[in-house]
Amino acid sequence: MLLIFAIISMMAAVTAYTTGVFLERKAKTLRKSHVIIFWIGLLFDTAGTTAMGAINLGFTLNIHGITGLAALLFMLFHIIWATFVYFKGNESSKNNFHKFSFWVWLIWLIPFISGMLLNM
């Protein structure tokens, strides 16, 4: 049951995070809805990662574990920064934020894909 929860959580995370990044990219500006979607993605990613860690009885320091931790930290930084940029209200920063979002999303995909490939 925990595995099903973990898989659903990770699929929800990739769906939310990808949707947020590409909606922001299409809009060419950071909106409140994008920030909310990013937070939802982080919530699901954290839930899925925690569940996977419980299934594996902890986290391992292999390529997936290291890139996963790095990606989660990048994602957390990205979302905190997005929240700050949105509420600060600087239009130039909002209009350029999608460039940063895209690169963080690409980095985040590395452990997501490696996790699927290593565990299938």
PDB file of N, CA and C in Angstrom:
ATOM      1  N   MET A   1       0.820  -1.197   0.000  1.00  0.00           N
ATOM      2  CA  MET A   1       0.000   0.000   0.000  1.00  0.00           C
ATOM      3  C   MET A   1       0.870   1.270   0.000  1.00  0.00           C
ATOM      4  N   LEU A   2       1.980   1.212   0.747  1.00  0.00           N
ATOM      5  CA  LEU A   2       2.882   2.360   0.807  1.00  0.00           C
ATOM      6  C   LEU A   2       3.521   2.632  -0.560  1.00  0.00           C
ATOM      7  N   LEU A   3       3.820   1.557  -1.293  1.00  0.00           N
ATOM      8  CA  LEU A   3       4.393   1.723  -2.630  1.00  0.00           C
ATOM      9  C   LEU A   3       3.408   2.426  -3.562  1.00  0.00           C
ATOM     10  N   ILE A   4       2.153   2.055  -3.492  1.00  0.00           N
ATOM     11  CA  ILE A   4       1.125   2.695  -4.335  1.00  0.00           C
ATOM     12  C   ILE A   4       1.028   4.179  -3.982  1.00  0.00           C
ATOM     13  N   PHE A   5       1.024   4.480  -2.676  1.00  0.00           N
ATOM     14  CA  PHE A   5       0.992   5.878  -2.233  1.00  0.00           C
ATOM     15  C   PHE A   5       2.204   6.635  -2.766  1.00  0.00           C
ATOM     16  N   ALA A   6       3.386   6.036  -2.679  1.00  0.00           N
ATOM     17  CA  ALA A   6       4.617   6.680  -3.136  1.00  0.00           C
ATOM     18  C   ALA A   6       4.571   6.954  -4.639  1.00  0.00           C
ATOM     19  N   ILE A   7       4.123   5.965  -5.402  1.00  0.00           N
ATOM     20  CA  ILE A   7       4.055   6.129  -6.862  1.00  0.00           C
ATOM     21  C   ILE A   7       3.059   7.225  -7.239  1.00  0.00           C
ATOM     22  N   ILE A   8       1.891   7.190  -6.624  1.00  0.00           N
ATOM     23  CA  ILE A   8       0.875   8.219  -6.913  1.00  0.00           C
ATOM     24  C   ILE A   8       1.388   9.603  -6.522  1.00  0.00           C
ATOM     25  N   SER A   9       2.054   9.685  -5.383  1.00  0.00           N
ATOM     26  CA  SER A   9       2.605  10.975  -4.939  1.00  0.00           C
ATOM     27  C   SER A   9       3.648  11.505  -5.913  1.00  0.00           C
ATOM     28  N   MET A  10       4.543  10.635  -6.368  1.00  0.00           N
ATOM     29  CA  MET A  10       5.585  11.074  -7.298  1.00  0.00           C
ATOM     30  C   MET A  10       4.999  11.461  -8.656  1.00  0.00           C
ATOM     31  N   MET A  11       3.983  10.734  -9.101  1.00  0.00           N
ATOM     32  CA  MET A  11       3.337  11.089 -10.373  1.00  0.00           C
ATOM     33  C   MET A  11       2.597  12.427 -10.242  1.00  0.00           C
ATOM     34  N   ALA A  12       1.979  12.646  -9.085  1.00  0.00           N
ATOM     35  CA  ALA A  12       1.323  13.930  -8.840  1.00  0.00           C
ATOM     36  C   ALA A  12       2.362  15.055  -8.784  1.00  0.00           C
ATOM     37  N   ALA A  13       3.521  14.765  -8.194  1.00  0.00           N
ATOM     38  CA  ALA A  13       4.591  15.768  -8.115  1.00  0.00           C
ATOM     39  C   ALA A  13       5.083  16.164  -9.497  1.00  0.00           C
ATOM     40  N   VAL A  14       5.373  15.177 -10.322  1.00  0.00           N
ATOM     41  CA  VAL A  14       5.885  15.498 -11.664  1.00  0.00           C
ATOM     42  C   VAL A  14       4.810  16.216 -12.483  1.00  0.00           C
ATOM     43  N   THR A  15       3.572  15.833 -12.304  1.00  0.00           N
ATOM     44  CA  THR A  15       2.477  16.490 -13.025  1.00  0.00           C
ATOM     45  C   THR A  15       2.347  17.948 -12.586  1.00  0.00           C
ATOM     46  N   ALA A  16       2.331  18.172 -11.283  1.00  0.00           N
ATOM     47  CA  ALA A  16       2.171  19.537 -10.777  1.00  0.00           C
ATOM     48  C   ALA A  16       3.373  20.408 -11.144  1.00  0.00           C
ATOM     49  N   TYR A  17       4.563  19.900 -10.900  1.00  0.00           N
ATOM     50  CA  TYR A  17       5.762  20.700 -11.138  1.00  0.00           C
ATOM     51  C   TYR A  17       5.927  21.012 -12.628  1.00  0.00           C
ATOM     52  N   THR A  18       5.713  20.027 -13.475  1.00  0.00           N
ATOM     53  CA  THR A  18       5.809  20.236 -14.917  1.00  0.00           C
ATOM     54  C   THR A  18       4.746  21.223 -15.395  1.00  0.00           C
ATOM     55  N   THR A  19       3.535  21.061 -14.906  1.00  0.00           N
ATOM     56  CA  THR A  19       2.451  21.980 -15.275  1.00  0.00           C
ATOM     57  C   THR A  19       2.799  23.402 -14.863  1.00  0.00           C
ATOM     58  N   GLY A  20       3.255  23.566 -13.627  1.00  0.00           N
ATOM     59  CA  GLY A  20       3.609  24.898 -13.159  1.00  0.00           C
ATOM     60  C   GLY A  20       4.717  25.539 -13.982  1.00  0.00           C
ATOM     61  N   VAL A  21       5.755  24.769 -14.273  1.00  0.00           N
ATOM     62  CA  VAL A  21       6.890  25.304 -15.037  1.00  0.00           C
ATOM     63  C   VAL A  21       6.457  25.714 -16.446  1.00  0.00           C
ATOM     64  N   PHE A  22       5.680  24.861 -17.103  1.00  0.00           N
ATOM     65  CA  PHE A  22       5.320  25.181 -18.485  1.00  0.00           C
ATOM     66  C   PHE A  22       4.198  26.205 -18.596  1.00  0.00           C
ATOM     67  N   LEU A  23       3.311  26.285 -17.620  1.00  0.00           N
ATOM     68  CA  LEU A  23       2.323  27.374 -17.621  1.00  0.00           C
ATOM     69  C   LEU A  23       3.016  28.708 -17.388  1.00  0.00           C
ATOM     70  N   GLU A  24       3.996  28.710 -16.492  1.00  0.00           N
ATOM     71  CA  GLU A  24       4.761  29.931 -16.248  1.00  0.00           C
ATOM     72  C   GLU A  24       5.548  30.335 -17.487  1.00  0.00           C
ATOM     73  N   ARG A  25       6.146  29.347 -18.134  1.00  0.00           N
ATOM     74  CA  ARG A  25       6.927  29.601 -19.352  1.00  0.00           C
ATOM     75  C   ARG A  25       6.044  30.178 -20.455  1.00  0.00           C
ATOM     76  N   LYS A  26       4.844  29.622 -20.599  1.00  0.00           N
ATOM     77  CA  LYS A  26       3.900  30.108 -21.615  1.00  0.00           C
ATOM     78  C   LYS A  26       3.423  31.526 -21.299  1.00  0.00           C
ATOM     79  N   ALA A  27       3.167  31.796 -20.018  1.00  0.00           N
ATOM     80  CA  ALA A  27       2.700  33.122 -19.606  1.00  0.00           C
ATOM     81  C   ALA A  27       3.813  34.166 -19.656  1.00  0.00           C
ATOM     82  N   LYS A  28       5.073  33.693 -19.610  1.00  0.00           N
ATOM     83  CA  LYS A  28       6.250  34.565 -19.610  1.00  0.00           C
ATOM     84  C   LYS A  28       6.289  35.508 -18.405  1.00  0.00           C
ATOM     85  N   THR A  29       5.585  35.118 -17.360  1.00  0.00           N
ATOM     86  CA  THR A  29       5.624  35.851 -16.106  1.00  0.00           C
ATOM     87  C   THR A  29       5.186  34.914 -14.983  1.00  0.00           C
ATOM     88  N   LEU A  30       5.652  35.202 -13.805  1.00  0.00           N
ATOM     89  CA  LEU A  30       5.311  34.393 -12.642  1.00  0.00           C
ATOM     90  C   LEU A  30       3.997  34.900 -12.056  1.00  0.00           C
ATOM     91  N   ARG A  31       3.043  33.992 -11.901  1.00  0.00           N
ATOM     92  CA  ARG A  31       1.738  34.325 -11.328  1.00  0.00           C
ATOM     93  C   ARG A  31       1.528  33.555 -10.033  1.00  0.00           C
ATOM     94  N   LYS A  32       0.554  34.009  -9.272  1.00  0.00           N
ATOM     95  CA  LYS A  32       0.228  33.355  -8.007  1.00  0.00           C
ATOM     96  C   LYS A  32      -0.116  31.884  -8.221  1.00  0.00           C
ATOM     97  N   SER A  33      -0.844  31.585  -9.286  1.00  0.00           N
ATOM     98  CA  SER A  33      -1.233  30.199  -9.563  1.00  0.00           C
ATOM     99  C   SER A  33      -0.017  29.313  -9.785  1.00  0.00           C
ATOM    100  N   HIS A  34       1.034  29.846 -10.401  1.00  0.00           N
ATOM    101  CA  HIS A  34       2.252  29.069 -10.617  1.00  0.00           C
ATOM    102  C   HIS A  34       2.922  28.748  -9.281  1.00  0.00           C
ATOM    103  N   VAL A  35       2.984  29.734  -8.413  1.00  0.00           N
ATOM    104  CA  VAL A  35       3.599  29.535  -7.100  1.00  0.00           C
ATOM    105  C   VAL A  35       2.830  28.458  -6.325  1.00  0.00           C
ATOM    106  N   ILE A  36       1.508  28.514  -6.375  1.00  0.00           N
ATOM    107  CA  ILE A  36       0.685  27.518  -5.686  1.00  0.00           C
ATOM    108  C   ILE A  36       0.936  26.125  -6.257  1.00  0.00           C
ATOM    109  N   ILE A  37       1.004  26.012  -7.575  1.00  0.00           N
ATOM    110  CA  ILE A  37       1.265  24.715  -8.214  1.00  0.00           C
ATOM    111  C   ILE A  37       2.648  24.190  -7.829  1.00  0.00           C
ATOM    112  N   PHE A  38       3.643  25.074  -7.758  1.00  0.00           N
ATOM    113  CA  PHE A  38       4.985  24.657  -7.329  1.00  0.00           C
ATOM    114  C   PHE A  38       4.942  24.093  -5.907  1.00  0.00           C
ATOM    115  N   TRP A  39       4.223  24.765  -5.002  1.00  0.00           N
ATOM    116  CA  TRP A  39       4.110  24.282  -3.620  1.00  0.00           C
ATOM    117  C   TRP A  39       3.405  22.931  -3.568  1.00  0.00           C
ATOM    118  N   ILE A  40       2.393  22.748  -4.384  1.00  0.00           N
ATOM    119  CA  ILE A  40       1.690  21.456  -4.448  1.00  0.00           C
ATOM    120  C   ILE A  40       2.661  20.372  -4.925  1.00  0.00           C
ATOM    121  N   GLY A  41       3.450  20.680  -5.943  1.00  0.00           N
ATOM    122  CA  GLY A  41       4.452  19.736  -6.439  1.00  0.00           C
ATOM    123  C   GLY A  41       5.442  19.353  -5.357  1.00  0.00           C
ATOM    124  N   LEU A  42       5.908  20.341  -4.588  1.00  0.00           N
ATOM    125  CA  LEU A  42       6.847  20.056  -3.498  1.00  0.00           C
ATOM    126  C   LEU A  42       6.196  19.182  -2.430  1.00  0.00           C
ATOM    127  N   LEU A  43       4.948  19.452  -2.122  1.00  0.00           N
ATOM    128  CA  LEU A  43       4.235  18.649  -1.126  1.00  0.00           C
ATOM    129  C   LEU A  43       4.162  17.181  -1.556  1.00  0.00           C
ATOM    130  N   PHE A  44       3.772  16.955  -2.812  1.00  0.00           N
ATOM    131  CA  PHE A  44       3.694  15.583  -3.315  1.00  0.00           C
ATOM    132  C   PHE A  44       5.072  14.934  -3.430  1.00  0.00           C
ATOM    133  N   ASP A  45       6.074  15.708  -3.841  1.00  0.00           N
ATOM    134  CA  ASP A  45       7.429  15.163  -3.951  1.00  0.00           C
ATOM    135  C   ASP A  45       7.953  14.748  -2.581  1.00  0.00           C
ATOM    136  N   THR A  46       7.725  15.580  -1.599  1.00  0.00           N
ATOM    137  CA  THR A  46       8.160  15.261  -0.238  1.00  0.00           C
ATOM    138  C   THR A  46       7.442  14.019   0.279  1.00  0.00           C
ATOM    139  N   ALA A  47       6.141  13.928   0.041  1.00  0.00           N
ATOM    140  CA  ALA A  47       5.373  12.759   0.486  1.00  0.00           C
ATOM    141  C   ALA A  47       5.869  11.491  -0.209  1.00  0.00           C
ATOM    142  N   GLY A  48       6.083  11.566  -1.522  1.00  0.00           N
ATOM    143  CA  GLY A  48       6.556  10.408  -2.285  1.00  0.00           C
ATOM    144  C   GLY A  48       7.956   9.996  -1.894  1.00  0.00           C
ATOM    145  N   THR A  49       8.830  10.968  -1.706  1.00  0.00           N
ATOM    146  CA  THR A  49      10.212  10.680  -1.314  1.00  0.00           C
ATOM    147  C   THR A  49      10.251  10.052   0.086  1.00  0.00           C
ATOM    148  N   THR A  50       9.458  10.588   0.982  1.00  0.00           N
ATOM    149  CA  THR A  50       9.396  10.041   2.338  1.00  0.00           C
ATOM    150  C   THR A  50       8.877   8.601   2.317  1.00  0.00           C
ATOM    151  N   ALA A  51       7.843   8.350   1.530  1.00  0.00           N
ATOM    152  CA  ALA A  51       7.292   6.995   1.424  1.00  0.00           C
ATOM    153  C   ALA A  51       8.311   6.040   0.812  1.00  0.00           C
ATOM    154  N   MET A  52       9.000   6.468  -0.231  1.00  0.00           N
ATOM    155  CA  MET A  52      10.029   5.617  -0.841  1.00  0.00           C
ATOM    156  C   MET A  52      11.156   5.326   0.151  1.00  0.00           C
ATOM    157  N   GLY A  53      11.524   6.328   0.945  1.00  0.00           N
ATOM    158  CA  GLY A  53      12.546   6.122   1.964  1.00  0.00           C
ATOM    159  C   GLY A  53      12.093   5.107   3.002  1.00  0.00           C
ATOM    160  N   ALA A  54      10.824   5.149   3.379  1.00  0.00           N
ATOM    161  CA  ALA A  54      10.297   4.180   4.349  1.00  0.00           C
ATOM    162  C   ALA A  54      10.285   2.770   3.764  1.00  0.00           C
ATOM    163  N   ILE A  55       9.962   2.651   2.499  1.00  0.00           N
ATOM    164  CA  ILE A  55       9.949   1.337   1.835  1.00  0.00           C
ATOM    165  C   ILE A  55      11.358   0.758   1.809  1.00  0.00           C
ATOM    166  N   ASN A  56      12.338   1.602   1.513  1.00  0.00           N
ATOM    167  CA  ASN A  56      13.736   1.154   1.408  1.00  0.00           C
ATOM    168  C   ASN A  56      14.457   1.144   2.751  1.00  0.00           C
ATOM    169  N   LEU A  57      13.735   1.417   3.818  1.00  0.00           N
ATOM    170  CA  LEU A  57      14.301   1.475   5.170  1.00  0.00           C
ATOM    171  C   LEU A  57      15.438   2.482   5.278  1.00  0.00           C
ATOM    172  N   GLY A  58      15.257   3.622   4.635  1.00  0.00           N
ATOM    173  CA  GLY A  58      16.247   4.693   4.692  1.00  0.00           C
ATOM    174  C   GLY A  58      16.686   5.113   3.302  1.00  0.00           C
ATOM    175  N   PHE A  59      17.566   6.055   3.273  1.00  0.00           N
ATOM    176  CA  PHE A  59      18.053   6.581   2.006  1.00  0.00           C
ATOM    177  C   PHE A  59      19.483   6.119   1.773  1.00  0.00           C
ATOM    178  N   THR A  60      19.798   5.833   0.533  1.00  0.00           N
ATOM    179  CA  THR A  60      21.141   5.366   0.197  1.00  0.00           C
ATOM    180  C   THR A  60      21.918   6.463  -0.520  1.00  0.00           C
ATOM    181  N   LEU A  61      23.212   6.469  -0.312  1.00  0.00           N
ATOM    182  CA  LEU A  61      24.059   7.458  -0.959  1.00  0.00           C
ATOM    183  C   LEU A  61      24.608   6.902  -2.267  1.00  0.00           C
ATOM    184  N   ASN A  62      23.714   6.665  -3.200  1.00  0.00           N
ATOM    185  CA  ASN A  62      24.110   6.307  -4.557  1.00  0.00           C
ATOM    186  C   ASN A  62      23.781   7.501  -5.452  1.00  0.00           C
ATOM    187  N   ILE A  63      23.927   7.358  -6.740  1.00  0.00           N
ATOM    188  CA  ILE A  63      23.697   8.479  -7.666  1.00  0.00           C
ATOM    189  C   ILE A  63      22.264   8.985  -7.567  1.00  0.00           C
ATOM    190  N   HIS A  64      21.319   8.062  -7.415  1.00  0.00           N
ATOM    191  CA  HIS A  64      19.914   8.465  -7.300  1.00  0.00           C
ATOM    192  C   HIS A  64      19.670   9.219  -5.989  1.00  0.00           C
ATOM    193  N   GLY A  65      20.232   8.726  -4.901  1.00  0.00           N
ATOM    194  CA  GLY A  65      20.042   9.376  -3.609  1.00  0.00           C
ATOM    195  C   GLY A  65      20.656  10.766  -3.557  1.00  0.00           C
ATOM    196  N   ILE A  66      21.847  10.898  -4.104  1.00  0.00           N
ATOM    197  CA  ILE A  66      22.545  12.183  -4.097  1.00  0.00           C
ATOM    198  C   ILE A  66      21.849  13.186  -5.010  1.00  0.00           C
ATOM    199  N   THR A  67      21.524  12.772  -6.227  1.00  0.00           N
ATOM    200  CA  THR A  67      20.829  13.696  -7.144  1.00  0.00           C
ATOM    201  C   THR A  67      19.421  14.001  -6.641  1.00  0.00           C
ATOM    202  N   GLY A  68      18.800  13.019  -5.982  1.00  0.00           N
ATOM    203  CA  GLY A  68      17.463  13.240  -5.435  1.00  0.00           C
ATOM    204  C   GLY A  68      17.465  14.289  -4.334  1.00  0.00           C
ATOM    205  N   LEU A  69      18.432  14.189  -3.433  1.00  0.00           N
ATOM    206  CA  LEU A  69      18.551  15.172  -2.367  1.00  0.00           C
ATOM    207  C   LEU A  69      18.855  16.554  -2.948  1.00  0.00           C
ATOM    208  N   ALA A  70      19.780  16.601  -3.898  1.00  0.00           N
ATOM    209  CA  ALA A  70      20.123  17.877  -4.534  1.00  0.00           C
ATOM    210  C   ALA A  70      18.903  18.475  -5.235  1.00  0.00           C
ATOM    211  N   ALA A  71      18.159  17.649  -5.946  1.00  0.00           N
ATOM    212  CA  ALA A  71      16.985  18.137  -6.669  1.00  0.00           C
ATOM    213  C   ALA A  71      15.912  18.641  -5.712  1.00  0.00           C
ATOM    214  N   LEU A  72      15.708  17.934  -4.619  1.00  0.00           N
ATOM    215  CA  LEU A  72      14.720  18.362  -3.630  1.00  0.00           C
ATOM    216  C   LEU A  72      15.127  19.708  -3.020  1.00  0.00           C
ATOM    217  N   LEU A  73      16.411  19.883  -2.762  1.00  0.00           N
ATOM    218  CA  LEU A  73      16.896  21.159  -2.226  1.00  0.00           C
ATOM    219  C   LEU A  73      16.775  22.280  -3.254  1.00  0.00           C
ATOM    220  N   PHE A  74      17.092  21.980  -4.526  1.00  0.00           N
ATOM    221  CA  PHE A  74      16.903  22.970  -5.596  1.00  0.00           C
ATOM    222  C   PHE A  74      15.428  23.347  -5.707  1.00  0.00           C
ATOM    223  N   MET A  75      14.566  22.346  -5.639  1.00  0.00           N
ATOM    224  CA  MET A  75      13.129  22.582  -5.741  1.00  0.00           C
ATOM    225  C   MET A  75      12.655  23.469  -4.580  1.00  0.00           C
ATOM    226  N   LEU A  76      13.113  23.169  -3.380  1.00  0.00           N
ATOM    227  CA  LEU A  76      12.748  23.972  -2.212  1.00  0.00           C
ATOM    228  C   LEU A  76      13.234  25.409  -2.386  1.00  0.00           C
ATOM    229  N   PHE A  77      14.486  25.583  -2.797  1.00  0.00           N
ATOM    230  CA  PHE A  77      15.024  26.924  -3.042  1.00  0.00           C
ATOM    231  C   PHE A  77      14.213  27.633  -4.122  1.00  0.00           C
ATOM    232  N   HIS A  78      13.899  26.923  -5.195  1.00  0.00           N
ATOM    233  CA  HIS A  78      13.129  27.484  -6.303  1.00  0.00           C
ATOM    234  C   HIS A  78      11.774  28.002  -5.831  1.00  0.00           C
ATOM    235  N   ILE A  79      11.107  27.219  -5.025  1.00  0.00           N
ATOM    236  CA  ILE A  79       9.766  27.584  -4.587  1.00  0.00           C
ATOM    237  C   ILE A  79       9.804  28.741  -3.589  1.00  0.00           C
ATOM    238  N   ILE A  80      10.764  28.721  -2.698  1.00  0.00           N
ATOM    239  CA  ILE A  80      10.893  29.848  -1.764  1.00  0.00           C
ATOM    240  C   ILE A  80      11.215  31.120  -2.535  1.00  0.00           C
ATOM    241  N   TRP A  81      12.117  31.008  -3.508  1.00  0.00           N
ATOM    242  CA  TRP A  81      12.488  32.169  -4.315  1.00  0.00           C
ATOM    243  C   TRP A  81      11.289  32.644  -5.151  1.00  0.00           C
ATOM    244  N   ALA A  82      10.524  31.721  -5.712  1.00  0.00           N
ATOM    245  CA  ALA A  82       9.327  32.081  -6.488  1.00  0.00           C
ATOM    246  C   ALA A  82       8.335  32.833  -5.615  1.00  0.00           C
ATOM    247  N   THR A  83       8.150  32.362  -4.395  1.00  0.00           N
ATOM    248  CA  THR A  83       7.231  33.023  -3.468  1.00  0.00           C
ATOM    249  C   THR A  83       7.714  34.437  -3.175  1.00  0.00           C
ATOM    250  N   PHE A  84       9.013  34.575  -2.920  1.00  0.00           N
ATOM    251  CA  PHE A  84       9.598  35.885  -2.658  1.00  0.00           C
ATOM    252  C   PHE A  84       9.429  36.810  -3.860  1.00  0.00           C
ATOM    253  N   VAL A  85       9.773  36.326  -5.052  1.00  0.00           N
ATOM    254  CA  VAL A  85       9.674  37.146  -6.267  1.00  0.00           C
ATOM    255  C   VAL A  85       8.232  37.575  -6.505  1.00  0.00           C
ATOM    256  N   TYR A  86       7.301  36.646  -6.341  1.00  0.00           N
ATOM    257  CA  TYR A  86       5.891  36.983  -6.583  1.00  0.00           C
ATOM    258  C   TYR A  86       5.414  38.080  -5.625  1.00  0.00           C
ATOM    259  N   PHE A  87       5.675  37.896  -4.343  1.00  0.00           N
ATOM    260  CA  PHE A  87       5.170  38.863  -3.364  1.00  0.00           C
ATOM    261  C   PHE A  87       5.942  40.173  -3.351  1.00  0.00           C
ATOM    262  N   LYS A  88       7.176  40.153  -3.820  1.00  0.00           N
ATOM    263  CA  LYS A  88       7.934  41.404  -3.942  1.00  0.00           C
ATOM    264  C   LYS A  88       7.291  42.283  -5.009  1.00  0.00           C
ATOM    265  N   GLY A  89       6.787  41.650  -6.071  1.00  0.00           N
ATOM    266  CA  GLY A  89       6.034  42.378  -7.082  1.00  0.00           C
ATOM    267  C   GLY A  89       6.845  43.040  -8.178  1.00  0.00           C
ATOM    268  N   ASN A  90       8.138  42.792  -8.250  1.00  0.00           N
ATOM    269  CA  ASN A  90       8.972  43.381  -9.290  1.00  0.00           C
ATOM    270  C   ASN A  90       8.660  42.691 -10.620  1.00  0.00           C
ATOM    271  N   GLU A  91       8.099  43.430 -11.553  1.00  0.00           N
ATOM    272  CA  GLU A  91       7.655  42.848 -12.822  1.00  0.00           C
ATOM    273  C   GLU A  91       8.811  42.264 -13.632  1.00  0.00           C
ATOM    274  N   SER A  92       9.954  42.901 -13.613  1.00  0.00           N
ATOM    275  CA  SER A  92      11.111  42.383 -14.339  1.00  0.00           C
ATOM    276  C   SER A  92      11.519  41.019 -13.801  1.00  0.00           C
ATOM    277  N   SER A  93      11.562  40.889 -12.481  1.00  0.00           N
ATOM    278  CA  SER A  93      11.917  39.605 -11.866  1.00  0.00           C
ATOM    279  C   SER A  93      10.877  38.542 -12.193  1.00  0.00           C
ATOM    280  N   LYS A  94       9.602  38.916 -12.132  1.00  0.00           N
ATOM    281  CA  LYS A  94       8.527  37.964 -12.464  1.00  0.00           C
ATOM    282  C   LYS A  94       8.635  37.511 -13.921  1.00  0.00           C
ATOM    283  N   ASN A  95       8.979  38.441 -14.799  1.00  0.00           N
ATOM    284  CA  ASN A  95       9.052  38.128 -16.230  1.00  0.00           C
ATOM    285  C   ASN A  95      10.262  37.271 -16.593  1.00  0.00           C
ATOM    286  N   ASN A  96      11.282  37.255 -15.771  1.00  0.00           N
ATOM    287  CA  ASN A  96      12.483  36.464 -16.056  1.00  0.00           C
ATOM    288  C   ASN A  96      12.559  35.170 -15.250  1.00  0.00           C
ATOM    289  N   PHE A  97      11.657  34.992 -14.308  1.00  0.00           N
ATOM    290  CA  PHE A  97      11.739  33.848 -13.412  1.00  0.00           C
ATOM    291  C   PHE A  97      11.588  32.518 -14.138  1.00  0.00           C
ATOM    292  N   HIS A  98      10.815  32.497 -15.222  1.00  0.00           N
ATOM    293  CA  HIS A  98      10.577  31.229 -15.936  1.00  0.00           C
ATOM    294  C   HIS A  98      11.871  30.611 -16.468  1.00  0.00           C
ATOM    295  N   LYS A  99      12.877  31.423 -16.717  1.00  0.00           N
ATOM    296  CA  LYS A  99      14.162  30.884 -17.183  1.00  0.00           C
ATOM    297  C   LYS A  99      14.811  30.046 -16.082  1.00  0.00           C
ATOM    298  N   PHE A 100      14.758  30.511 -14.867  1.00  0.00           N
ATOM    299  CA  PHE A 100      15.288  29.787 -13.719  1.00  0.00           C
ATOM    300  C   PHE A 100      14.459  28.526 -13.467  1.00  0.00           C
ATOM    301  N   SER A 101      13.146  28.646 -13.552  1.00  0.00           N
ATOM    302  CA  SER A 101      12.246  27.508 -13.299  1.00  0.00           C
ATOM    303  C   SER A 101      12.547  26.342 -14.221  1.00  0.00           C
ATOM    304  N   PHE A 102      12.776  26.634 -15.475  1.00  0.00           N
ATOM    305  CA  PHE A 102      13.019  25.575 -16.453  1.00  0.00           C
ATOM    306  C   PHE A 102      14.258  24.767 -16.087  1.00  0.00           C
ATOM    307  N   TRP A 103      15.347  25.422 -15.670  1.00  0.00           N
ATOM    308  CA  TRP A 103      16.587  24.719 -15.338  1.00  0.00           C
ATOM    309  C   TRP A 103      16.456  23.904 -14.052  1.00  0.00           C
ATOM    310  N   VAL A 104      15.732  24.432 -13.093  1.00  0.00           N
ATOM    311  CA  VAL A 104      15.507  23.669 -11.863  1.00  0.00           C
ATOM    312  C   VAL A 104      14.673  22.433 -12.172  1.00  0.00           C
ATOM    313  N   TRP A 105      13.670  22.590 -13.023  1.00  0.00           N
ATOM    314  CA  TRP A 105      12.828  21.459 -13.435  1.00  0.00           C
ATOM    315  C   TRP A 105      13.668  20.391 -14.134  1.00  0.00           C
ATOM    316  N   LEU A 106      14.566  20.789 -15.027  1.00  0.00           N
ATOM    317  CA  LEU A 106      15.436  19.818 -15.703  1.00  0.00           C
ATOM    318  C   LEU A 106      16.312  19.062 -14.703  1.00  0.00           C
ATOM    319  N   ILE A 107      16.871  19.771 -13.741  1.00  0.00           N
ATOM    320  CA  ILE A 107      17.691  19.128 -12.716  1.00  0.00           C
ATOM    321  C   ILE A 107      16.829  18.158 -11.902  1.00  0.00           C
ATOM    322  N   TRP A 108      15.615  18.561 -11.599  1.00  0.00           N
ATOM    323  CA  TRP A 108      14.695  17.732 -10.812  1.00  0.00           C
ATOM    324  C   TRP A 108      14.333  16.449 -11.555  1.00  0.00           C
ATOM    325  N   LEU A 109      14.293  16.507 -12.876  1.00  0.00           N
ATOM    326  CA  LEU A 109      13.934  15.319 -13.658  1.00  0.00           C
ATOM    327  C   LEU A 109      14.989  14.210 -13.583  1.00  0.00           C
ATOM    328  N   ILE A 110      16.233  14.559 -13.333  1.00  0.00           N
ATOM    329  CA  ILE A 110      17.301  13.547 -13.301  1.00  0.00           C
ATOM    330  C   ILE A 110      17.011  12.461 -12.267  1.00  0.00           C
ATOM    331  N   PRO A 111      16.785  12.783 -10.996  1.00  0.00           N
ATOM    332  CA  PRO A 111      16.483  11.708 -10.050  1.00  0.00           C
ATOM    333  C   PRO A 111      15.099  11.092 -10.261  1.00  0.00           C
ATOM    334  N   PHE A 112      14.172  11.872 -10.786  1.00  0.00           N
ATOM    335  CA  PHE A 112      12.843  11.314 -11.050  1.00  0.00           C
ATOM    336  C   PHE A 112      12.949  10.181 -12.071  1.00  0.00           C
ATOM    337  N   ILE A 113      13.653  10.446 -13.159  1.00  0.00           N
ATOM    338  CA  ILE A 113      13.802   9.432 -14.218  1.00  0.00           C
ATOM    339  C   ILE A 113      14.720   8.299 -13.759  1.00  0.00           C
ATOM    340  N   SER A 114      15.827   8.638 -13.089  1.00  0.00           N
ATOM    341  CA  SER A 114      16.731   7.582 -12.630  1.00  0.00           C
ATOM    342  C   SER A 114      16.043   6.677 -11.613  1.00  0.00           C
ATOM    343  N   GLY A 115      15.200   7.243 -10.776  1.00  0.00           N
ATOM    344  CA  GLY A 115      14.458   6.425  -9.813  1.00  0.00           C
ATOM    345  C   GLY A 115      13.541   5.431 -10.497  1.00  0.00           C
ATOM    346  N   MET A 116      12.879   5.892 -11.554  1.00  0.00           N
ATOM    347  CA  MET A 116      12.005   4.977 -12.306  1.00  0.00           C
ATOM    348  C   MET A 116      12.823   3.883 -12.979  1.00  0.00           C
ATOM    349  N   LEU A 117      13.930   4.275 -13.601  1.00  0.00           N
ATOM    350  CA  LEU A 117      14.731   3.292 -14.336  1.00  0.00           C
ATOM    351  C   LEU A 117      15.400   2.282 -13.395  1.00  0.00           C
ATOM    352  N   LEU A 118      15.884   2.735 -12.263  1.00  0.00           N
ATOM    353  CA  LEU A 118      16.580   1.839 -11.345  1.00  0.00           C
ATOM    354  C   LEU A 118      15.632   0.909 -10.584  1.00  0.00           C
ATOM    355  N   ASN A 119      14.400   1.311 -10.456  1.00  0.00           N
ATOM    356  CA  ASN A 119      13.474   0.535  -9.618  1.00  0.00           C
ATOM    357  C   ASN A 119      12.374  -0.186 -10.376  1.00  0.00           C
ATOM    358  N   MET A 120      12.414  -0.158 -11.674  1.00  0.00           N
ATOM    359  CA  MET A 120      11.380  -0.869 -12.435  1.00  0.00           C
ATOM    360  C   MET A 120      11.769  -2.307 -12.612  1.00  0.00           C
TER     361      MET A 120
END
